[in-house]
Amino acid sequence: MGCDIHIVLERRMPGKEWIGLYATDYHPGPRIKVAKRDYEFFAEIANVRGLSKSSRYPKNVPEDISDLAWAEYIRCPTDHHSASHASLSDFCEVYLSVNPSAGRKEFAASDLFGIDSDWPENAEYRVVFWFDN
C-alpha cells in the first residue's frame, strides 16, 4: 500500500484570512512534482515513511486554516494522517534539499508550484499538507 501527499497552497494578504489557492488533488493535468510519491521527501518534511534528518514533525493543521484546506482535509478524516504546514519557502527548501535537480532555489515557488511568490506584494504563502495510506 502506498502513501500519498495532499497539498493545499494558501495565500494571505496583510490583515486578511488565509485563502486556499488550489488543492493538488484538483490540479489539472498530472500531479505536480511535489505531490508525487517521494518517501525520502515525506520523511524529511514530516517524519512520514522514514525519519527526518532535521527532526521535522507534523504540526497538525493550522488553527487559521483556509476553507479550501479544511474542506479537503475533512473529506476523509479517518484516512488522513500526519497533517502539517510550512511556509512556501520552507516547504520548497526541504523539497529541493532532497531533490536538488528539481528546481532552482531562487525560483523554487515558480519551478515547483508555478506561482510568483513575490506577487501580490506583501502576500504570505504557506503549504498545508497531509498524507494518506
N, C-alpha and C. Protein backbone atom coordinates (compact mmCIF):
# COMPACT_ATOMS: atom_id res chain seq x y z
N MET A 1 0.85 -1.17 0.00
CA MET A 1 0.00 0.00 0.00
C MET A 1 0.90 1.23 0.00
N GLY A 2 0.57 2.19 -0.85
CA GLY A 2 1.37 3.41 -0.96
C GLY A 2 0.85 4.52 -0.08
N CYS A 3 1.64 5.54 0.03
CA CYS A 3 1.31 6.72 0.81
C CYS A 3 1.41 7.93 -0.12
N ASP A 4 0.38 8.75 -0.14
CA ASP A 4 0.37 9.95 -0.98
C ASP A 4 0.31 11.19 -0.12
N ILE A 5 0.82 12.29 -0.67
CA ILE A 5 0.73 13.59 -0.01
C ILE A 5 -0.40 14.39 -0.66
N HIS A 6 -1.11 15.12 0.15
CA HIS A 6 -2.18 16.01 -0.31
C HIS A 6 -1.79 17.41 0.11
N ILE A 7 -1.84 18.36 -0.82
CA ILE A 7 -1.32 19.69 -0.59
C ILE A 7 -2.36 20.74 -0.96
N VAL A 8 -2.49 21.74 -0.09
CA VAL A 8 -3.27 22.94 -0.42
C VAL A 8 -2.33 24.13 -0.28
N LEU A 9 -2.23 24.92 -1.32
CA LEU A 9 -1.44 26.14 -1.29
C LEU A 9 -2.35 27.27 -0.84
N GLU A 10 -1.91 28.02 0.16
CA GLU A 10 -2.71 29.12 0.71
C GLU A 10 -1.95 30.44 0.58
N ARG A 11 -2.73 31.54 0.52
CA ARG A 11 -2.15 32.89 0.48
C ARG A 11 -2.92 33.77 1.45
N ARG A 12 -2.17 34.67 2.09
CA ARG A 12 -2.80 35.64 3.00
C ARG A 12 -2.21 37.02 2.73
N MET A 13 -3.11 37.96 2.60
CA MET A 13 -2.72 39.36 2.48
C MET A 13 -2.70 39.94 3.90
N PRO A 14 -1.92 41.01 4.13
CA PRO A 14 -1.85 41.60 5.47
C PRO A 14 -3.24 41.93 6.02
N GLY A 15 -3.48 41.45 7.25
CA GLY A 15 -4.75 41.72 7.92
C GLY A 15 -5.92 40.89 7.44
N LYS A 16 -5.70 39.96 6.55
CA LYS A 16 -6.78 39.14 5.99
C LYS A 16 -6.63 37.69 6.43
N GLU A 17 -7.63 36.85 6.09
CA GLU A 17 -7.59 35.42 6.39
C GLU A 17 -6.84 34.68 5.29
N TRP A 18 -6.41 33.46 5.63
CA TRP A 18 -5.77 32.60 4.62
C TRP A 18 -6.83 32.18 3.61
N ILE A 19 -6.46 32.19 2.35
CA ILE A 19 -7.33 31.78 1.24
C ILE A 19 -6.64 30.61 0.54
N GLY A 20 -7.37 29.53 0.32
CA GLY A 20 -6.82 28.40 -0.43
C GLY A 20 -6.78 28.73 -1.90
N LEU A 21 -5.60 28.65 -2.50
CA LEU A 21 -5.46 28.94 -3.93
C LEU A 21 -5.77 27.72 -4.78
N TYR A 22 -5.25 26.57 -4.38
CA TYR A 22 -5.60 25.33 -5.07
C TYR A 22 -5.17 24.13 -4.25
N ALA A 23 -5.82 23.03 -4.54
CA ALA A 23 -5.50 21.75 -3.92
C ALA A 23 -4.92 20.85 -4.99
N THR A 24 -3.84 20.16 -4.67
CA THR A 24 -3.20 19.32 -5.68
C THR A 24 -4.12 18.20 -6.17
N ASP A 25 -5.07 17.78 -5.36
CA ASP A 25 -5.98 16.73 -5.80
C ASP A 25 -6.87 17.20 -6.95
N TYR A 26 -7.00 18.51 -7.13
CA TYR A 26 -7.81 19.07 -8.21
C TYR A 26 -6.99 19.82 -9.24
N HIS A 27 -5.69 19.74 -9.13
CA HIS A 27 -4.81 20.43 -10.07
C HIS A 27 -4.97 19.78 -11.43
N PRO A 28 -5.20 20.58 -12.49
CA PRO A 28 -5.38 19.98 -13.82
C PRO A 28 -4.10 19.31 -14.31
N GLY A 29 -4.27 18.27 -15.05
CA GLY A 29 -3.12 17.56 -15.61
C GLY A 29 -2.49 16.62 -14.60
N PRO A 30 -1.27 16.18 -14.88
CA PRO A 30 -0.60 15.26 -13.96
C PRO A 30 -0.25 15.96 -12.65
N ARG A 31 -0.08 15.17 -11.59
CA ARG A 31 0.28 15.75 -10.29
C ARG A 31 1.60 16.51 -10.41
N ILE A 32 1.66 17.65 -9.75
CA ILE A 32 2.89 18.43 -9.78
C ILE A 32 3.99 17.66 -9.04
N LYS A 33 5.24 18.01 -9.31
CA LYS A 33 6.40 17.28 -8.76
C LYS A 33 6.29 17.04 -7.26
N VAL A 34 5.97 18.08 -6.51
CA VAL A 34 5.97 17.97 -5.04
C VAL A 34 4.82 17.12 -4.51
N ALA A 35 3.87 16.77 -5.37
CA ALA A 35 2.73 15.97 -4.93
C ALA A 35 2.84 14.51 -5.34
N LYS A 36 3.96 14.12 -5.92
CA LYS A 36 4.16 12.72 -6.29
C LYS A 36 4.77 11.96 -5.12
N ARG A 37 4.64 10.66 -5.14
CA ARG A 37 5.21 9.82 -4.07
C ARG A 37 6.72 9.98 -4.05
N ASP A 38 7.20 10.44 -2.93
CA ASP A 38 8.64 10.64 -2.74
C ASP A 38 8.90 10.41 -1.26
N TYR A 39 9.15 9.18 -0.89
CA TYR A 39 9.25 8.82 0.52
C TYR A 39 10.43 9.47 1.22
N GLU A 40 11.48 9.78 0.49
CA GLU A 40 12.60 10.50 1.11
C GLU A 40 12.14 11.91 1.50
N PHE A 41 11.38 12.56 0.62
CA PHE A 41 10.84 13.88 0.92
C PHE A 41 9.82 13.80 2.06
N PHE A 42 8.92 12.82 2.01
CA PHE A 42 7.91 12.66 3.07
C PHE A 42 8.59 12.52 4.43
N ALA A 43 9.68 11.76 4.48
CA ALA A 43 10.40 11.58 5.73
C ALA A 43 10.99 12.91 6.20
N GLU A 44 11.55 13.66 5.27
CA GLU A 44 12.21 14.91 5.66
C GLU A 44 11.23 16.01 6.05
N ILE A 45 10.09 16.07 5.39
CA ILE A 45 9.15 17.17 5.68
C ILE A 45 8.27 16.88 6.90
N ALA A 46 8.05 15.57 7.23
CA ALA A 46 7.10 15.29 8.32
C ALA A 46 7.33 13.96 9.03
N ASN A 47 8.49 13.35 8.87
CA ASN A 47 8.76 12.07 9.52
C ASN A 47 7.76 10.99 9.09
N VAL A 48 7.33 11.03 7.85
CA VAL A 48 6.38 10.04 7.32
C VAL A 48 7.14 9.11 6.40
N ARG A 49 7.02 7.82 6.62
CA ARG A 49 7.71 6.78 5.84
C ARG A 49 9.22 6.86 5.98
N GLY A 50 9.69 7.36 7.10
CA GLY A 50 11.12 7.47 7.35
C GLY A 50 11.35 8.53 8.41
N LEU A 51 12.61 8.75 8.73
CA LEU A 51 12.96 9.72 9.76
C LEU A 51 13.57 10.98 9.15
N SER A 52 13.15 12.11 9.65
CA SER A 52 13.69 13.39 9.22
C SER A 52 15.10 13.58 9.80
N LYS A 53 16.03 13.97 8.96
CA LYS A 53 17.39 14.25 9.43
C LYS A 53 17.44 15.52 10.28
N SER A 54 16.46 16.40 10.09
CA SER A 54 16.45 17.67 10.83
C SER A 54 15.34 17.72 11.87
N SER A 55 14.79 16.57 12.22
CA SER A 55 13.77 16.46 13.28
C SER A 55 12.51 17.27 13.01
N ARG A 56 12.04 17.22 11.79
CA ARG A 56 10.75 17.86 11.47
C ARG A 56 9.64 16.88 11.81
N TYR A 57 8.65 17.36 12.50
CA TYR A 57 7.50 16.53 12.86
C TYR A 57 6.23 17.23 12.42
N PRO A 58 5.19 16.50 12.13
CA PRO A 58 3.93 17.13 11.75
C PRO A 58 3.44 18.08 12.84
N LYS A 59 2.90 19.22 12.41
CA LYS A 59 2.42 20.25 13.34
C LYS A 59 0.89 20.29 13.43
N ASN A 60 0.20 19.40 12.74
CA ASN A 60 -1.25 19.39 12.64
C ASN A 60 -1.69 20.52 11.70
N VAL A 61 -2.98 20.55 11.42
CA VAL A 61 -3.48 21.63 10.57
C VAL A 61 -3.42 22.92 11.38
N PRO A 62 -3.18 24.04 10.72
CA PRO A 62 -3.11 25.31 11.46
C PRO A 62 -4.49 25.72 11.95
N GLU A 63 -4.53 26.44 13.05
CA GLU A 63 -5.81 26.90 13.60
C GLU A 63 -6.55 27.82 12.64
N ASP A 64 -5.81 28.59 11.86
CA ASP A 64 -6.42 29.54 10.93
C ASP A 64 -6.43 29.01 9.49
N ILE A 65 -6.67 27.72 9.36
CA ILE A 65 -6.68 27.04 8.06
C ILE A 65 -7.73 27.65 7.13
N SER A 66 -7.43 27.67 5.84
CA SER A 66 -8.39 28.20 4.85
C SER A 66 -9.57 27.24 4.70
N ASP A 67 -10.68 27.77 4.20
CA ASP A 67 -11.86 26.94 3.96
C ASP A 67 -11.55 25.80 2.98
N LEU A 68 -10.79 26.09 1.93
CA LEU A 68 -10.45 25.05 0.96
C LEU A 68 -9.64 23.93 1.62
N ALA A 69 -8.62 24.29 2.37
CA ALA A 69 -7.79 23.26 3.01
C ALA A 69 -8.61 22.43 3.99
N TRP A 70 -9.47 23.09 4.77
CA TRP A 70 -10.27 22.35 5.74
C TRP A 70 -11.24 21.40 5.03
N ALA A 71 -11.88 21.87 3.98
CA ALA A 71 -12.83 21.03 3.23
C ALA A 71 -12.12 19.81 2.65
N GLU A 72 -10.92 20.00 2.14
CA GLU A 72 -10.16 18.88 1.58
C GLU A 72 -9.71 17.92 2.68
N TYR A 73 -9.23 18.46 3.77
CA TYR A 73 -8.73 17.61 4.86
C TYR A 73 -9.85 16.78 5.48
N ILE A 74 -10.99 17.36 5.67
CA ILE A 74 -12.08 16.68 6.39
C ILE A 74 -12.82 15.67 5.50
N ARG A 75 -12.53 15.65 4.20
CA ARG A 75 -13.21 14.69 3.30
C ARG A 75 -13.00 13.25 3.73
N CYS A 76 -11.84 12.91 4.22
CA CYS A 76 -11.53 11.54 4.62
C CYS A 76 -10.76 11.55 5.95
N PRO A 77 -11.39 12.01 7.02
CA PRO A 77 -10.64 12.20 8.27
C PRO A 77 -10.07 10.92 8.87
N THR A 78 -10.65 9.77 8.54
CA THR A 78 -10.12 8.53 9.12
C THR A 78 -8.93 7.99 8.32
N ASP A 79 -8.73 8.48 7.12
CA ASP A 79 -7.63 8.02 6.28
C ASP A 79 -6.44 8.97 6.32
N HIS A 80 -6.69 10.24 6.56
CA HIS A 80 -5.62 11.23 6.56
C HIS A 80 -4.83 11.19 7.86
N HIS A 81 -3.53 11.43 7.75
CA HIS A 81 -2.68 11.43 8.94
C HIS A 81 -1.50 12.39 8.74
N SER A 82 -0.83 12.68 9.80
CA SER A 82 0.40 13.48 9.80
C SER A 82 0.22 14.84 9.13
N ALA A 83 -0.88 15.52 9.44
CA ALA A 83 -1.13 16.85 8.87
C ALA A 83 -0.10 17.84 9.40
N SER A 84 0.28 18.77 8.54
CA SER A 84 1.25 19.78 8.93
C SER A 84 1.12 20.98 8.01
N HIS A 85 1.96 21.96 8.23
CA HIS A 85 2.01 23.15 7.38
C HIS A 85 3.40 23.76 7.46
N ALA A 86 3.74 24.50 6.43
CA ALA A 86 5.04 25.16 6.36
C ALA A 86 4.92 26.36 5.44
N SER A 87 5.77 27.35 5.66
CA SER A 87 5.79 28.45 4.70
C SER A 87 6.16 27.86 3.34
N LEU A 88 5.73 28.54 2.29
CA LEU A 88 6.04 28.06 0.95
C LEU A 88 7.55 27.95 0.75
N SER A 89 8.30 28.92 1.23
CA SER A 89 9.75 28.87 1.04
C SER A 89 10.38 27.72 1.80
N ASP A 90 9.93 27.44 3.03
CA ASP A 90 10.47 26.31 3.79
C ASP A 90 10.13 24.99 3.12
N PHE A 91 8.89 24.85 2.67
CA PHE A 91 8.45 23.63 2.00
C PHE A 91 9.32 23.37 0.76
N CYS A 92 9.50 24.42 -0.05
CA CYS A 92 10.31 24.28 -1.26
C CYS A 92 11.77 23.97 -0.92
N GLU A 93 12.29 24.61 0.11
CA GLU A 93 13.68 24.37 0.51
C GLU A 93 13.90 22.91 0.91
N VAL A 94 12.96 22.34 1.66
CA VAL A 94 13.07 20.93 2.05
C VAL A 94 12.99 20.04 0.82
N TYR A 95 12.04 20.33 -0.07
CA TYR A 95 11.91 19.52 -1.27
C TYR A 95 13.20 19.55 -2.09
N LEU A 96 13.77 20.73 -2.27
CA LEU A 96 14.99 20.84 -3.07
C LEU A 96 16.20 20.24 -2.36
N SER A 97 16.17 20.17 -1.04
CA SER A 97 17.28 19.52 -0.33
C SER A 97 17.31 18.02 -0.62
N VAL A 98 16.15 17.45 -0.87
CA VAL A 98 16.03 16.02 -1.18
C VAL A 98 16.14 15.79 -2.69
N ASN A 99 15.68 16.75 -3.47
CA ASN A 99 15.65 16.64 -4.93
C ASN A 99 16.35 17.85 -5.55
N PRO A 100 17.68 17.94 -5.43
CA PRO A 100 18.38 19.15 -5.86
C PRO A 100 18.25 19.48 -7.34
N SER A 101 17.95 18.52 -8.18
CA SER A 101 17.83 18.81 -9.61
C SER A 101 16.40 19.20 -10.01
N ALA A 102 15.49 19.32 -9.02
CA ALA A 102 14.08 19.60 -9.32
C ALA A 102 13.78 21.07 -9.59
N GLY A 103 14.71 21.95 -9.27
CA GLY A 103 14.45 23.37 -9.49
C GLY A 103 15.57 24.22 -8.97
N ARG A 104 15.40 25.51 -9.12
CA ARG A 104 16.39 26.48 -8.67
C ARG A 104 15.91 27.12 -7.38
N LYS A 105 16.76 27.20 -6.39
CA LYS A 105 16.35 27.71 -5.09
C LYS A 105 15.70 29.09 -5.18
N GLU A 106 16.29 29.97 -5.96
CA GLU A 106 15.75 31.33 -6.05
C GLU A 106 14.42 31.41 -6.79
N PHE A 107 14.07 30.37 -7.54
CA PHE A 107 12.80 30.32 -8.26
C PHE A 107 11.97 29.10 -7.88
N ALA A 108 12.17 28.60 -6.68
CA ALA A 108 11.54 27.34 -6.27
C ALA A 108 10.02 27.39 -6.35
N ALA A 109 9.40 28.46 -5.88
CA ALA A 109 7.93 28.54 -5.91
C ALA A 109 7.41 28.45 -7.34
N SER A 110 8.11 29.09 -8.25
CA SER A 110 7.72 29.04 -9.65
C SER A 110 7.98 27.66 -10.24
N ASP A 111 9.17 27.12 -9.97
CA ASP A 111 9.53 25.81 -10.53
C ASP A 111 8.65 24.69 -10.00
N LEU A 112 8.32 24.74 -8.71
CA LEU A 112 7.60 23.62 -8.09
C LEU A 112 6.08 23.82 -8.07
N PHE A 113 5.62 25.05 -7.94
CA PHE A 113 4.18 25.30 -7.82
C PHE A 113 3.62 26.16 -8.96
N GLY A 114 4.48 26.71 -9.78
CA GLY A 114 4.01 27.52 -10.90
C GLY A 114 3.47 28.88 -10.49
N ILE A 115 3.93 29.43 -9.36
CA ILE A 115 3.45 30.74 -8.92
C ILE A 115 4.61 31.69 -8.70
N ASP A 116 4.31 32.97 -8.75
CA ASP A 116 5.28 34.01 -8.41
C ASP A 116 5.01 34.39 -6.96
N SER A 117 5.84 33.94 -6.04
CA SER A 117 5.59 34.18 -4.62
C SER A 117 5.88 35.62 -4.22
N ASP A 118 6.36 36.45 -5.12
CA ASP A 118 6.55 37.87 -4.84
C ASP A 118 5.34 38.70 -5.26
N TRP A 119 4.31 38.03 -5.79
CA TRP A 119 3.11 38.72 -6.21
C TRP A 119 1.89 38.08 -5.56
N PRO A 120 0.89 38.79 -5.14
CA PRO A 120 0.95 40.24 -5.00
C PRO A 120 1.91 40.63 -3.88
N GLU A 121 2.34 41.87 -3.94
CA GLU A 121 3.29 42.37 -2.95
C GLU A 121 2.72 42.23 -1.54
N ASN A 122 3.55 41.87 -0.59
CA ASN A 122 3.20 41.70 0.83
C ASN A 122 2.37 40.45 1.13
N ALA A 123 2.17 39.58 0.17
CA ALA A 123 1.40 38.36 0.41
C ALA A 123 2.29 37.33 1.11
N GLU A 124 1.67 36.53 1.97
CA GLU A 124 2.34 35.38 2.59
C GLU A 124 1.77 34.13 1.93
N TYR A 125 2.62 33.14 1.73
CA TYR A 125 2.18 31.86 1.17
C TYR A 125 2.58 30.76 2.14
N ARG A 126 1.71 29.77 2.26
CA ARG A 126 2.07 28.59 3.03
C ARG A 126 1.45 27.36 2.37
N VAL A 127 2.00 26.22 2.76
CA VAL A 127 1.54 24.93 2.25
C VAL A 127 0.97 24.16 3.43
N VAL A 128 -0.27 23.72 3.29
CA VAL A 128 -0.90 22.83 4.27
C VAL A 128 -0.92 21.46 3.61
N PHE A 129 -0.48 20.45 4.34
CA PHE A 129 -0.37 19.14 3.71
C PHE A 129 -0.63 18.02 4.73
N TRP A 130 -0.98 16.87 4.19
CA TRP A 130 -1.22 15.67 5.00
C TRP A 130 -1.02 14.46 4.09
N PHE A 131 -1.10 13.32 4.67
CA PHE A 131 -0.80 12.07 3.95
C PHE A 131 -1.98 11.10 4.08
N ASP A 132 -2.01 10.12 3.19
CA ASP A 132 -2.99 9.04 3.31
C ASP A 132 -2.27 7.72 3.12
N ASN A 133 -2.98 6.64 3.33
CA ASN A 133 -2.41 5.30 3.15
C ASN A 133 -3.06 4.62 1.96
